[in-house]
Amino acid sequence: MQDVEYADIVDAGPPPRELTTTARRFVAGQAPYAWGVLVVIFVVLPNALMAKVLASGSAYVSLAVMIALAAAVFAHAAIKRKQLRAIIVTGEQRPAQIVGVERLDVRSGLARGSRDTLWFDVDGKRMKCASWGGDLDGATHGAWIRVLVHPQVPDRVVPVVSVT
């Protein structure tokens, strides 16, 4: 078994770990900035156009609220990415049992993909992790896997997934 190479999301050795390309893709997939871009395109820009056309106080207030909403969406993604990077780089490795598995297949028009959602029991606490990357698709209910947890981010977990 020593000659088997593993392609882990993270190098599950002792911290500090390297943030690999695969780990960066995992973080980006968990906290995409695309939602913020969509808010800007479909909410902020139309409100800006409306504020310019109407030139009223209420239109400017609406625009300010929409800009704040877009900023909040970007900030949420940035904070979540920072937390996930901290978990990967300095998190502690723990055994976790998979207590729930859900798969959502999307097959509509050009959109094709699947989201895997896993619920883990880590030290008696139930935690959730979802991924669109296909890296969790082989998970089975009741299986034990390795996860990374961080004391400063108690509600997030990063599974250490190995593919032989």
Protein backbone atom coordinates (compact mmCIF):
# COMPACT_ATOMS: atom_id res chain seq x y z
CA MET A 1 0.00 0.00 0.00
CA GLN A 2 3.06 2.26 0.34
CA ASP A 3 3.38 2.68 -3.44
CA VAL A 4 -0.14 4.09 -3.92
CA GLU A 5 -0.19 7.80 -4.70
CA TYR A 6 -3.05 9.90 -3.43
CA ALA A 7 -4.40 13.10 -4.97
CA ASP A 8 -5.78 14.79 -1.87
CA ILE A 9 -7.65 18.07 -1.83
CA VAL A 10 -5.08 19.04 0.76
CA ASP A 11 -1.83 17.55 1.94
CA ALA A 12 -3.18 16.14 5.19
CA GLY A 13 0.17 16.21 6.92
CA PRO A 14 0.82 18.35 9.96
CA PRO A 15 0.18 22.10 9.70
CA PRO A 16 1.12 24.40 8.12
CA ARG A 17 0.02 22.81 4.86
CA GLU A 18 0.55 24.08 1.35
CA LEU A 19 -2.46 25.59 -0.42
CA THR A 20 -2.28 23.52 -3.62
CA THR A 21 -4.00 24.26 -6.91
CA THR A 22 -6.61 21.62 -6.11
CA ALA A 23 -7.23 23.21 -2.71
CA ARG A 24 -7.58 26.65 -4.32
CA ARG A 25 -10.17 25.25 -6.73
CA PHE A 26 -12.02 23.68 -3.82
CA VAL A 27 -12.09 27.01 -1.94
CA ALA A 28 -13.25 28.88 -5.06
CA GLY A 29 -16.00 26.33 -5.60
CA GLN A 30 -17.21 26.63 -2.02
CA ALA A 31 -17.28 30.45 -2.04
CA PRO A 32 -17.78 31.74 -5.58
CA TYR A 33 -17.66 35.43 -6.42
CA ALA A 34 -20.07 34.72 -9.30
CA TRP A 35 -23.10 35.49 -7.12
CA GLY A 36 -21.74 38.98 -6.49
CA VAL A 37 -21.16 39.50 -10.19
CA LEU A 38 -24.75 38.43 -10.91
CA VAL A 39 -26.06 40.86 -8.27
CA VAL A 40 -24.08 43.68 -9.88
CA ILE A 41 -25.27 42.82 -13.39
CA PHE A 42 -28.92 42.13 -12.65
CA VAL A 43 -29.59 44.36 -9.62
CA VAL A 44 -27.08 47.19 -9.26
CA LEU A 45 -26.76 48.19 -12.92
CA PRO A 46 -30.53 48.33 -13.56
CA ASN A 47 -30.94 50.36 -10.36
CA ALA A 48 -28.17 52.72 -11.47
CA LEU A 49 -29.91 53.22 -14.80
CA MET A 50 -33.23 53.82 -13.05
CA ALA A 51 -31.62 56.32 -10.65
CA LYS A 52 -30.15 58.21 -13.59
CA VAL A 53 -33.48 58.29 -15.41
CA LEU A 54 -35.64 59.19 -12.41
CA ALA A 55 -33.09 61.40 -10.61
CA SER A 56 -35.12 61.15 -7.41
CA GLY A 57 -34.06 60.66 -3.82
CA SER A 58 -35.83 57.32 -3.47
CA ALA A 59 -34.10 55.99 -6.60
CA TYR A 60 -30.70 56.97 -5.16
CA VAL A 61 -31.56 55.32 -1.83
CA SER A 62 -32.57 52.16 -3.70
CA LEU A 63 -29.28 52.24 -5.60
CA ALA A 64 -27.31 52.66 -2.36
CA VAL A 65 -29.12 49.68 -0.82
CA MET A 66 -28.39 47.54 -3.88
CA ILE A 67 -24.70 48.53 -3.82
CA ALA A 68 -24.60 47.57 -0.13
CA LEU A 69 -26.22 44.23 -1.01
CA ALA A 70 -23.60 43.54 -3.67
CA ALA A 71 -20.82 44.49 -1.26
CA ALA A 72 -22.28 42.12 1.35
CA VAL A 73 -22.35 39.24 -1.15
CA PHE A 74 -18.70 39.83 -2.10
CA ALA A 75 -17.71 40.21 1.58
CA HIS A 76 -19.47 36.96 2.52
CA ALA A 77 -17.58 35.07 -0.20
CA ALA A 78 -14.27 36.65 0.82
CA ILE A 79 -14.79 35.78 4.51
CA LYS A 80 -15.79 32.21 3.67
CA ARG A 81 -12.71 31.82 1.44
CA LYS A 82 -10.46 33.14 4.21
CA GLN A 83 -11.99 30.67 6.68
CA LEU A 84 -11.57 27.73 4.31
CA ARG A 85 -7.94 28.67 3.61
CA ALA A 86 -7.29 28.81 7.37
CA ILE A 87 -8.86 25.38 7.85
CA ILE A 88 -6.79 23.87 5.05
CA VAL A 89 -3.49 25.46 6.05
CA THR A 90 -3.65 25.22 9.86
CA GLY A 91 -6.66 23.00 10.64
CA GLU A 92 -6.51 19.89 12.77
CA GLN A 93 -7.19 16.51 11.19
CA ARG A 94 -10.02 14.53 12.79
CA PRO A 95 -11.90 11.34 11.96
CA ALA A 96 -15.50 11.92 10.97
CA GLN A 97 -18.37 9.60 10.24
CA ILE A 98 -20.65 10.36 7.33
CA VAL A 99 -24.18 10.44 8.77
CA GLY A 100 -25.98 11.76 5.70
CA VAL A 101 -25.44 11.79 1.94
CA GLU A 102 -27.49 13.70 -0.62
CA ARG A 103 -26.92 14.06 -4.35
CA LEU A 104 -28.66 16.64 -6.52
CA ASP A 105 -28.36 16.04 -10.27
CA VAL A 106 -28.96 19.06 -12.48
CA ARG A 107 -29.78 18.26 -16.09
CA SER A 108 -31.55 21.25 -17.57
CA GLY A 109 -30.59 22.75 -20.91
CA LEU A 110 -26.90 23.58 -20.92
CA ALA A 111 -26.61 23.26 -17.13
CA ARG A 112 -25.31 19.82 -16.26
CA GLY A 113 -23.75 18.78 -13.03
CA SER A 114 -24.33 17.39 -9.60
CA ARG A 115 -23.98 18.67 -6.07
CA ASP A 116 -22.98 16.29 -3.32
CA THR A 117 -23.93 17.25 0.22
CA LEU A 118 -22.49 15.33 3.15
CA TRP A 119 -23.30 15.57 6.83
CA PHE A 120 -20.51 14.55 9.18
CA ASP A 121 -20.42 13.65 12.84
CA VAL A 122 -17.20 15.23 14.10
CA ASP A 123 -16.57 14.87 17.84
CA GLY A 124 -20.32 14.62 18.46
CA LYS A 125 -21.12 17.72 16.41
CA ARG A 126 -23.02 17.54 13.11
CA MET A 127 -21.39 19.48 10.24
CA LYS A 128 -22.30 19.91 6.58
CA CYS A 129 -20.16 20.14 3.47
CA ALA A 130 -21.38 20.52 -0.11
CA SER A 131 -19.43 20.37 -3.34
CA TRP A 132 -20.18 20.76 -7.06
CA GLY A 133 -16.71 19.44 -7.92
CA GLY A 134 -17.52 15.72 -7.97
CA ASP A 135 -14.88 15.05 -5.33
CA LEU A 136 -17.43 13.73 -2.80
CA ASP A 137 -19.50 11.55 -5.13
CA GLY A 138 -18.20 8.21 -3.82
CA ALA A 139 -19.17 8.89 -0.22
CA THR A 140 -21.41 6.37 1.51
CA HIS A 141 -23.53 6.65 4.63
CA GLY A 142 -21.73 5.37 7.73
CA ALA A 143 -18.22 5.57 6.27
CA TRP A 144 -15.36 7.13 8.20
CA ILE A 145 -13.16 9.73 6.51
CA ARG A 146 -10.60 12.31 7.53
CA VAL A 147 -11.66 15.95 7.83
CA LEU A 148 -9.94 19.17 8.79
CA VAL A 149 -11.44 21.41 11.47
CA HIS A 150 -10.28 24.70 12.95
CA PRO A 151 -11.12 25.99 16.45
CA GLN A 152 -11.67 29.54 15.17
CA VAL A 153 -14.13 28.31 12.52
CA PRO A 154 -16.30 25.82 14.44
CA ASP A 155 -19.10 25.54 11.86
CA ARG A 156 -17.02 24.56 8.79
CA VAL A 157 -15.28 21.34 7.87
CA VAL A 158 -13.06 20.40 4.91
CA PRO A 159 -12.98 16.71 3.94
CA VAL A 160 -9.63 15.19 3.01
CA VAL A 161 -10.62 13.28 -0.10
CA SER A 162 -8.21 10.79 -1.64
CA VAL A 163 -8.50 9.41 -5.14
CA THR A 164 -6.24 6.50 -6.02
